[in-house]
Amino acid sequence: MHAEFSLANRGYRHRRTTIGRFCSCAAPPLSVPHLLRWASPMKLVSNGSFDRRQQALAAELIRTVKRELEKADAPPELIEELSGSIAFSVASLIDDVAGFECEGEAVNPMLTFLVADDELEFAGGNSWMHEYIHRLLPSVFEEDARQGKSGTDEQGA
């Protein structure tokens, strides 16, 4: 699918293939500021920070799920169990372990991290973030308990 869009305020025209709607189940197209990031070619790099970044993303994914579940006022044991299960499922989708299709076409995500204006840190293949979820789960919950964090504490922040 090729679509043209105009960045009228910049007087720039660009062709795209993957930005915006992939299929009927996808989110609406990205806004103009987000599209500007892709106006120049991105370079895939491997400077050794990928694993550290995916571990940080895995821990933040657990924290985010935990905060949302805490809003339901569920027992702490259930929150921890569901946080791990939900975070593992989402990470498996990102890692392309779960495999899924949209309108008969395979969807194969490839995780990268923005490390400079024109550079993406890339593992050279699929990520393995799902393998860190259950390893990081206890430390994320212990760290939040030591710091006294809960979903209600951070809502006002």
N, C-alpha and C. Protein backbone atom coordinates (compact mmCIF):
# COMPACT_ATOMS: atom_id res chain seq x y z
N MET A 1 0.85 -1.16 0.00
CA MET A 1 0.00 0.00 0.00
C MET A 1 0.90 1.23 0.00
N HIS A 2 0.71 2.09 -0.96
CA HIS A 2 1.44 3.35 -1.01
C HIS A 2 0.44 4.48 -0.85
N ALA A 3 0.77 5.42 -0.03
CA ALA A 3 -0.10 6.57 0.17
C ALA A 3 0.76 7.82 0.23
N GLU A 4 0.25 8.91 -0.28
CA GLU A 4 0.96 10.18 -0.19
C GLU A 4 0.30 11.06 0.84
N PHE A 5 1.11 11.80 1.54
CA PHE A 5 0.58 12.80 2.44
C PHE A 5 1.40 14.07 2.26
N SER A 6 0.81 15.16 2.62
CA SER A 6 1.49 16.44 2.47
C SER A 6 1.71 17.04 3.84
N LEU A 7 2.92 17.46 4.08
CA LEU A 7 3.21 18.20 5.30
C LEU A 7 3.16 19.66 4.91
N ALA A 8 1.93 20.17 4.81
CA ALA A 8 1.69 21.50 4.27
C ALA A 8 2.50 22.58 4.99
N ASN A 9 2.59 22.46 6.31
CA ASN A 9 3.31 23.49 7.05
C ASN A 9 4.82 23.43 6.79
N ARG A 10 5.32 22.35 6.21
CA ARG A 10 6.73 22.22 5.89
C ARG A 10 6.97 22.24 4.38
N GLY A 11 5.90 22.16 3.58
CA GLY A 11 6.05 22.12 2.14
C GLY A 11 6.77 20.87 1.67
N TYR A 12 6.59 19.75 2.37
CA TYR A 12 7.32 18.53 2.10
C TYR A 12 6.36 17.44 1.67
N ARG A 13 6.70 16.69 0.62
CA ARG A 13 5.89 15.55 0.21
C ARG A 13 6.72 14.28 0.37
N HIS A 14 6.07 13.23 0.83
CA HIS A 14 6.78 12.00 1.16
C HIS A 14 5.89 10.81 0.82
N ARG A 15 6.47 9.74 0.31
CA ARG A 15 5.71 8.51 0.08
C ARG A 15 5.93 7.58 1.25
N ARG A 16 4.92 6.86 1.63
CA ARG A 16 5.06 5.93 2.75
C ARG A 16 4.43 4.60 2.41
N THR A 17 4.83 3.57 3.11
CA THR A 17 4.24 2.26 2.91
C THR A 17 3.72 1.68 4.21
N THR A 18 4.35 1.99 5.33
CA THR A 18 3.95 1.33 6.56
C THR A 18 3.45 2.27 7.64
N ILE A 19 3.56 3.56 7.48
CA ILE A 19 3.10 4.48 8.50
C ILE A 19 1.60 4.64 8.34
N GLY A 20 0.87 4.52 9.45
CA GLY A 20 -0.57 4.67 9.39
C GLY A 20 -1.27 3.34 9.52
N ARG A 21 -2.40 3.20 8.87
CA ARG A 21 -3.21 2.00 9.02
C ARG A 21 -2.62 0.84 8.23
N PHE A 22 -2.38 -0.26 8.91
CA PHE A 22 -1.90 -1.47 8.27
C PHE A 22 -3.08 -2.29 7.80
N CYS A 23 -4.10 -2.38 8.63
CA CYS A 23 -5.31 -3.12 8.27
C CYS A 23 -6.47 -2.53 9.05
N SER A 24 -7.64 -3.08 8.84
CA SER A 24 -8.84 -2.50 9.43
C SER A 24 -8.82 -2.53 10.95
N CYS A 25 -7.97 -3.37 11.56
CA CYS A 25 -7.92 -3.45 13.01
C CYS A 25 -6.87 -2.52 13.62
N ALA A 26 -6.17 -1.76 12.80
CA ALA A 26 -5.07 -0.92 13.29
C ALA A 26 -5.57 0.44 13.77
N ALA A 27 -4.67 1.14 14.43
CA ALA A 27 -4.96 2.48 14.95
C ALA A 27 -4.96 3.48 13.81
N PRO A 28 -5.50 4.68 14.06
CA PRO A 28 -5.47 5.71 13.02
C PRO A 28 -4.04 6.11 12.66
N PRO A 29 -3.85 6.77 11.53
CA PRO A 29 -2.51 7.18 11.11
C PRO A 29 -1.85 8.09 12.15
N LEU A 30 -0.53 8.11 12.13
CA LEU A 30 0.23 8.93 13.06
C LEU A 30 0.07 10.42 12.74
N SER A 31 0.30 11.26 13.73
CA SER A 31 0.19 12.70 13.54
C SER A 31 1.41 13.23 12.79
N VAL A 32 1.32 14.45 12.28
CA VAL A 32 2.39 15.07 11.50
C VAL A 32 3.71 15.10 12.26
N PRO A 33 3.77 15.49 13.57
CA PRO A 33 5.07 15.47 14.26
C PRO A 33 5.72 14.09 14.26
N HIS A 34 4.91 13.04 14.43
CA HIS A 34 5.46 11.69 14.39
C HIS A 34 5.97 11.34 13.00
N LEU A 35 5.28 11.79 11.97
CA LEU A 35 5.68 11.48 10.61
C LEU A 35 6.98 12.17 10.23
N LEU A 36 7.24 13.34 10.80
CA LEU A 36 8.47 14.06 10.49
C LEU A 36 9.71 13.25 10.84
N ARG A 37 9.61 12.42 11.87
CA ARG A 37 10.75 11.60 12.28
C ARG A 37 11.18 10.68 11.13
N TRP A 38 10.24 10.24 10.30
CA TRP A 38 10.55 9.31 9.22
C TRP A 38 10.78 10.02 7.89
N ALA A 39 10.92 11.32 7.91
CA ALA A 39 11.13 12.06 6.67
C ALA A 39 12.52 11.78 6.09
N SER A 40 13.47 11.37 6.91
CA SER A 40 14.79 11.01 6.41
C SER A 40 15.03 9.53 6.71
N PRO A 41 15.89 8.89 5.94
CA PRO A 41 16.14 7.45 6.16
C PRO A 41 16.74 7.18 7.53
N MET A 42 16.33 6.08 8.11
CA MET A 42 16.87 5.66 9.40
C MET A 42 17.92 4.58 9.17
N LYS A 43 18.96 4.59 9.98
CA LYS A 43 20.01 3.58 9.90
C LYS A 43 19.83 2.58 11.03
N LEU A 44 19.92 1.30 10.72
CA LEU A 44 19.91 0.26 11.74
C LEU A 44 21.34 0.11 12.25
N VAL A 45 21.50 0.18 13.57
CA VAL A 45 22.82 0.06 14.18
C VAL A 45 22.77 -0.99 15.28
N SER A 46 23.93 -1.48 15.64
CA SER A 46 24.04 -2.41 16.76
C SER A 46 25.23 -1.96 17.59
N ASN A 47 24.95 -1.10 18.59
CA ASN A 47 26.04 -0.57 19.41
C ASN A 47 26.12 -1.25 20.78
N GLY A 48 25.38 -2.35 20.94
CA GLY A 48 25.44 -3.12 22.17
C GLY A 48 24.46 -2.74 23.25
N SER A 49 23.54 -1.82 22.96
CA SER A 49 22.59 -1.38 23.99
C SER A 49 21.22 -2.04 23.87
N PHE A 50 21.03 -2.90 22.87
CA PHE A 50 19.70 -3.47 22.63
C PHE A 50 19.18 -4.26 23.83
N ASP A 51 19.97 -5.17 24.36
CA ASP A 51 19.51 -6.02 25.45
C ASP A 51 19.16 -5.20 26.69
N ARG A 52 19.99 -4.22 27.02
CA ARG A 52 19.71 -3.35 28.17
C ARG A 52 18.40 -2.58 27.96
N ARG A 53 18.19 -2.12 26.75
CA ARG A 53 16.97 -1.36 26.44
C ARG A 53 15.73 -2.26 26.47
N GLN A 54 15.84 -3.48 25.96
CA GLN A 54 14.66 -4.34 25.98
C GLN A 54 14.34 -4.80 27.40
N GLN A 55 15.35 -4.95 28.25
CA GLN A 55 15.08 -5.27 29.66
C GLN A 55 14.38 -4.10 30.35
N ALA A 56 14.82 -2.88 30.04
CA ALA A 56 14.16 -1.70 30.61
C ALA A 56 12.71 -1.61 30.12
N LEU A 57 12.47 -1.91 28.85
CA LEU A 57 11.11 -1.90 28.31
C LEU A 57 10.27 -2.99 28.96
N ALA A 58 10.84 -4.16 29.18
CA ALA A 58 10.11 -5.25 29.83
C ALA A 58 9.70 -4.86 31.25
N ALA A 59 10.62 -4.26 32.00
CA ALA A 59 10.31 -3.82 33.37
C ALA A 59 9.23 -2.75 33.37
N GLU A 60 9.30 -1.83 32.42
CA GLU A 60 8.28 -0.77 32.34
C GLU A 60 6.93 -1.33 31.90
N LEU A 61 6.94 -2.33 31.06
CA LEU A 61 5.70 -3.00 30.66
C LEU A 61 5.04 -3.64 31.88
N ILE A 62 5.83 -4.31 32.71
CA ILE A 62 5.30 -4.90 33.94
C ILE A 62 4.72 -3.82 34.84
N ARG A 63 5.47 -2.72 35.04
CA ARG A 63 4.99 -1.62 35.90
C ARG A 63 3.68 -1.03 35.38
N THR A 64 3.59 -0.86 34.08
CA THR A 64 2.40 -0.27 33.48
C THR A 64 1.18 -1.16 33.69
N VAL A 65 1.34 -2.45 33.45
CA VAL A 65 0.23 -3.39 33.66
C VAL A 65 -0.13 -3.42 35.13
N LYS A 66 0.87 -3.44 36.00
CA LYS A 66 0.64 -3.45 37.45
C LYS A 66 -0.19 -2.24 37.89
N ARG A 67 0.20 -1.05 37.43
CA ARG A 67 -0.53 0.17 37.79
C ARG A 67 -2.00 0.09 37.36
N GLU A 68 -2.23 -0.41 36.17
CA GLU A 68 -3.62 -0.50 35.69
C GLU A 68 -4.42 -1.51 36.50
N LEU A 69 -3.81 -2.64 36.85
CA LEU A 69 -4.51 -3.66 37.64
C LEU A 69 -4.77 -3.18 39.06
N GLU A 70 -3.87 -2.37 39.61
CA GLU A 70 -4.07 -1.85 40.96
C GLU A 70 -5.29 -0.95 41.05
N LYS A 71 -5.69 -0.37 39.95
CA LYS A 71 -6.89 0.47 39.93
C LYS A 71 -8.14 -0.36 40.19
N ALA A 72 -8.07 -1.68 39.92
CA ALA A 72 -9.22 -2.56 40.12
C ALA A 72 -9.35 -3.02 41.56
N ASP A 73 -8.40 -2.65 42.41
CA ASP A 73 -8.43 -3.02 43.83
C ASP A 73 -8.43 -4.53 44.03
N ALA A 74 -7.67 -5.24 43.22
CA ALA A 74 -7.56 -6.70 43.33
C ALA A 74 -6.53 -7.05 44.40
N PRO A 75 -6.56 -8.29 44.89
CA PRO A 75 -5.55 -8.72 45.87
C PRO A 75 -4.15 -8.67 45.27
N PRO A 76 -3.14 -8.32 46.07
CA PRO A 76 -1.76 -8.18 45.57
C PRO A 76 -1.24 -9.42 44.83
N GLU A 77 -1.57 -10.62 45.33
CA GLU A 77 -1.10 -11.85 44.68
C GLU A 77 -1.68 -11.96 43.27
N LEU A 78 -2.95 -11.61 43.11
CA LEU A 78 -3.60 -11.66 41.80
C LEU A 78 -3.01 -10.60 40.87
N ILE A 79 -2.72 -9.43 41.40
CA ILE A 79 -2.11 -8.36 40.60
C ILE A 79 -0.76 -8.81 40.07
N GLU A 80 0.05 -9.45 40.92
CA GLU A 80 1.36 -9.91 40.48
C GLU A 80 1.23 -11.01 39.42
N GLU A 81 0.34 -11.95 39.65
CA GLU A 81 0.15 -13.06 38.69
C GLU A 81 -0.35 -12.53 37.35
N LEU A 82 -1.35 -11.67 37.37
CA LEU A 82 -1.90 -11.12 36.12
C LEU A 82 -0.91 -10.18 35.43
N SER A 83 -0.14 -9.42 36.20
CA SER A 83 0.87 -8.54 35.60
C SER A 83 1.87 -9.35 34.80
N GLY A 84 2.34 -10.44 35.38
CA GLY A 84 3.28 -11.31 34.67
C GLY A 84 2.67 -11.94 33.44
N SER A 85 1.46 -12.42 33.57
CA SER A 85 0.79 -13.09 32.45
C SER A 85 0.49 -12.12 31.30
N ILE A 86 -0.04 -10.96 31.62
CA ILE A 86 -0.37 -9.97 30.59
C ILE A 86 0.89 -9.42 29.94
N ALA A 87 1.89 -9.07 30.76
CA ALA A 87 3.15 -8.54 30.21
C ALA A 87 3.83 -9.58 29.33
N PHE A 88 3.80 -10.85 29.73
CA PHE A 88 4.39 -11.92 28.92
C PHE A 88 3.67 -12.03 27.57
N SER A 89 2.35 -11.96 27.59
CA SER A 89 1.58 -12.05 26.35
C SER A 89 1.88 -10.90 25.40
N VAL A 90 1.94 -9.68 25.93
CA VAL A 90 2.24 -8.51 25.10
C VAL A 90 3.66 -8.59 24.56
N ALA A 91 4.62 -8.95 25.42
CA ALA A 91 6.02 -9.07 24.98
C ALA A 91 6.15 -10.16 23.92
N SER A 92 5.40 -11.24 24.04
CA SER A 92 5.44 -12.31 23.04
C SER A 92 4.94 -11.82 21.68
N LEU A 93 3.94 -10.95 21.69
CA LEU A 93 3.47 -10.35 20.43
C LEU A 93 4.56 -9.47 19.82
N ILE A 94 5.18 -8.63 20.64
CA ILE A 94 6.24 -7.74 20.17
C ILE A 94 7.43 -8.55 19.64
N ASP A 95 7.76 -9.64 20.33
CA ASP A 95 8.89 -10.49 19.95
C ASP A 95 8.59 -11.38 18.76
N ASP A 96 7.36 -11.37 18.28
CA ASP A 96 6.91 -12.21 17.16
C ASP A 96 6.97 -13.69 17.52
N VAL A 97 6.75 -13.99 18.80
CA VAL A 97 6.70 -15.38 19.24
C VAL A 97 5.27 -15.91 19.10
N ALA A 98 4.29 -15.05 19.37
CA ALA A 98 2.89 -15.45 19.35
C ALA A 98 2.38 -15.65 17.92
N GLY A 99 2.85 -14.85 16.99
CA GLY A 99 2.41 -14.94 15.61
C GLY A 99 0.93 -14.62 15.45
N PHE A 100 0.63 -13.71 14.56
CA PHE A 100 -0.76 -13.39 14.28
C PHE A 100 -0.88 -12.84 12.88
N GLU A 101 -2.11 -12.79 12.40
CA GLU A 101 -2.39 -12.28 11.06
C GLU A 101 -3.43 -11.18 11.14
N CYS A 102 -3.44 -10.36 10.12
CA CYS A 102 -4.45 -9.33 9.96
C CYS A 102 -4.88 -9.36 8.51
N GLU A 103 -6.15 -9.60 8.30
CA GLU A 103 -6.72 -9.70 6.95
C GLU A 103 -5.94 -10.68 6.09
N GLY A 104 -5.57 -11.83 6.68
CA GLY A 104 -4.90 -12.89 5.95
C GLY A 104 -3.41 -12.69 5.73
N GLU A 105 -2.85 -11.60 6.23
CA GLU A 105 -1.43 -11.32 6.05
C GLU A 105 -0.71 -11.43 7.39
N ALA A 106 0.41 -12.16 7.41
CA ALA A 106 1.19 -12.31 8.64
C ALA A 106 1.72 -10.94 9.08
N VAL A 107 1.65 -10.70 10.38
CA VAL A 107 2.18 -9.48 10.97
C VAL A 107 3.42 -9.89 11.76
N ASN A 108 4.56 -9.37 11.38
CA ASN A 108 5.83 -9.75 12.00
C ASN A 108 6.54 -8.52 12.54
N PRO A 109 6.31 -8.17 13.82
CA PRO A 109 6.98 -7.01 14.40
C PRO A 109 8.48 -7.24 14.53
N MET A 110 9.22 -6.15 14.50
CA MET A 110 10.67 -6.19 14.68
C MET A 110 11.03 -5.01 15.57
N LEU A 111 11.38 -5.29 16.81
CA LEU A 111 11.65 -4.25 17.81
C LEU A 111 12.96 -3.53 17.52
N THR A 112 12.91 -2.22 17.58
CA THR A 112 14.10 -1.37 17.49
C THR A 112 13.94 -0.26 18.52
N PHE A 113 15.05 0.42 18.84
CA PHE A 113 15.03 1.53 19.77
C PHE A 113 15.69 2.73 19.12
N LEU A 114 15.06 3.87 19.23
CA LEU A 114 15.63 5.10 18.70
C LEU A 114 16.81 5.51 19.57
N VAL A 115 18.01 5.59 18.98
CA VAL A 115 19.20 5.95 19.76
C VAL A 115 19.80 7.27 19.29
N ALA A 116 19.38 7.76 18.14
CA ALA A 116 19.79 9.06 17.60
C ALA A 116 18.69 9.48 16.64
N ASP A 117 18.76 10.72 16.15
CA ASP A 117 17.71 11.21 15.25
C ASP A 117 17.52 10.32 14.03
N ASP A 118 18.58 9.67 13.58
CA ASP A 118 18.49 8.85 12.37
C ASP A 118 19.00 7.43 12.58
N GLU A 119 19.06 6.96 13.85
CA GLU A 119 19.59 5.63 14.13
C GLU A 119 18.64 4.83 15.02
N LEU A 120 18.47 3.57 14.64
CA LEU A 120 17.66 2.63 15.40
C LEU A 120 18.55 1.48 15.86
N GLU A 121 18.58 1.23 17.16
CA GLU A 121 19.32 0.08 17.71
C GLU A 121 18.51 -1.17 17.38
N PHE A 122 19.17 -2.15 16.76
CA PHE A 122 18.54 -3.34 16.22
C PHE A 122 19.32 -4.57 16.68
N ALA A 123 18.61 -5.62 17.04
CA ALA A 123 19.27 -6.84 17.52
C ALA A 123 19.77 -7.71 16.38
N GLY A 124 19.37 -7.41 15.17
CA GLY A 124 19.75 -8.24 14.03
C GLY A 124 18.70 -9.29 13.72
N GLY A 125 17.65 -9.32 14.50
CA GLY A 125 16.56 -10.27 14.33
C GLY A 125 15.49 -9.96 15.35
N ASN A 126 14.69 -10.95 15.66
CA ASN A 126 13.62 -10.74 16.63
C ASN A 126 14.17 -10.50 18.03
N SER A 127 13.40 -9.77 18.81
CA SER A 127 13.75 -9.52 20.21
C SER A 127 13.37 -10.75 21.05
N TRP A 128 13.80 -10.78 22.30
CA TRP A 128 13.54 -11.88 23.22
C TRP A 128 13.07 -11.33 24.57
N MET A 129 12.37 -10.21 24.51
CA MET A 129 11.91 -9.52 25.72
C MET A 129 11.02 -10.42 26.59
N HIS A 130 10.21 -11.28 25.98
CA HIS A 130 9.31 -12.14 26.75
C HIS A 130 10.08 -13.02 27.74
N GLU A 131 11.33 -13.36 27.42
CA GLU A 131 12.14 -14.20 28.31
C GLU A 131 12.51 -13.48 29.61
N TYR A 132 12.44 -12.16 29.62
CA TYR A 132 12.78 -11.39 30.81
C TYR A 132 11.59 -11.13 31.73
N ILE A 133 10.39 -11.27 31.25
CA ILE A 133 9.21 -10.87 32.03
C ILE A 133 9.17 -11.56 33.39
N HIS A 134 9.18 -12.89 33.41
CA HIS A 134 9.06 -13.59 34.70
C HIS A 134 10.33 -13.50 35.53
N ARG A 135 11.48 -13.22 34.90
CA ARG A 135 12.72 -13.00 35.65
C ARG A 135 12.67 -11.65 36.36
N LEU A 136 12.11 -10.63 35.69
CA LEU A 136 12.07 -9.28 36.24
C LEU A 136 10.88 -9.04 37.16
N LEU A 137 9.85 -9.84 37.04
CA LEU A 137 8.61 -9.63 37.80
C LEU A 137 8.84 -9.47 39.30
N PRO A 138 9.55 -10.39 39.97
CA PRO A 138 9.74 -10.22 41.42
C PRO A 138 10.49 -8.94 41.78
N SER A 139 11.52 -8.61 41.02
CA SER A 139 12.30 -7.41 41.36
C SER A 139 11.49 -6.13 41.13
N VAL A 140 10.65 -6.10 40.11
CA VAL A 140 9.81 -4.92 39.87
C VAL A 140 8.83 -4.74 41.03
N PHE A 141 8.21 -5.84 41.47
CA PHE A 141 7.26 -5.75 42.58
C PHE A 141 7.97 -5.41 43.89
N GLU A 142 9.15 -5.97 44.12
CA GLU A 142 9.91 -5.66 45.34
C GLU A 142 10.36 -4.20 45.34
N GLU A 143 10.84 -3.73 44.21
CA GLU A 143 11.29 -2.34 44.09
C GLU A 143 10.14 -1.37 44.35
N ASP A 144 8.99 -1.65 43.74
CA ASP A 144 7.83 -0.78 43.94
C ASP A 144 7.36 -0.82 45.39
N ALA A 145 7.44 -1.99 46.04
CA ALA A 145 7.03 -2.11 47.44
C ALA A 145 7.98 -1.31 48.34
N ARG A 146 9.30 -1.38 48.05
CA ARG A 146 10.28 -0.61 48.83
C ARG A 146 10.05 0.88 48.69
N GLN A 147 9.67 1.29 47.48
CA GLN A 147 9.46 2.72 47.22
C GLN A 147 8.05 3.17 47.57
N GLY A 148 7.20 2.22 47.95
CA GLY A 148 5.83 2.55 48.33
C GLY A 148 4.98 2.99 47.15
N LYS A 149 5.30 2.48 45.96
CA LYS A 149 4.54 2.88 44.77
C LYS A 149 3.31 2.01 44.59
N SER A 150 2.25 2.65 44.13
CA SER A 150 1.05 1.95 43.70
C SER A 150 0.42 2.76 42.61
N GLY A 151 -0.56 2.20 41.95
CA GLY A 151 -1.23 2.89 40.83
C GLY A 151 -1.87 4.19 41.27
N THR A 152 -2.41 4.24 42.51
CA THR A 152 -3.06 5.45 42.96
C THR A 152 -2.05 6.54 43.28
N ASP A 153 -0.81 6.16 43.68
CA ASP A 153 0.22 7.15 43.98
C ASP A 153 0.63 7.93 42.75
N GLU A 154 0.66 7.27 41.58
CA GLU A 154 1.21 7.88 40.38
C GLU A 154 0.16 8.57 39.51
N GLN A 155 -1.11 8.43 39.85
CA GLN A 155 -2.13 9.04 39.01
C GLN A 155 -2.03 10.55 39.00
N GLY A 156 -1.68 11.15 40.10
CA GLY A 156 -1.59 12.59 40.17
C GLY A 156 -0.30 13.14 39.58
N ALA A 157 0.67 12.26 39.34
CA ALA A 157 1.97 12.71 38.83
C ALA A 157 1.94 13.06 37.37
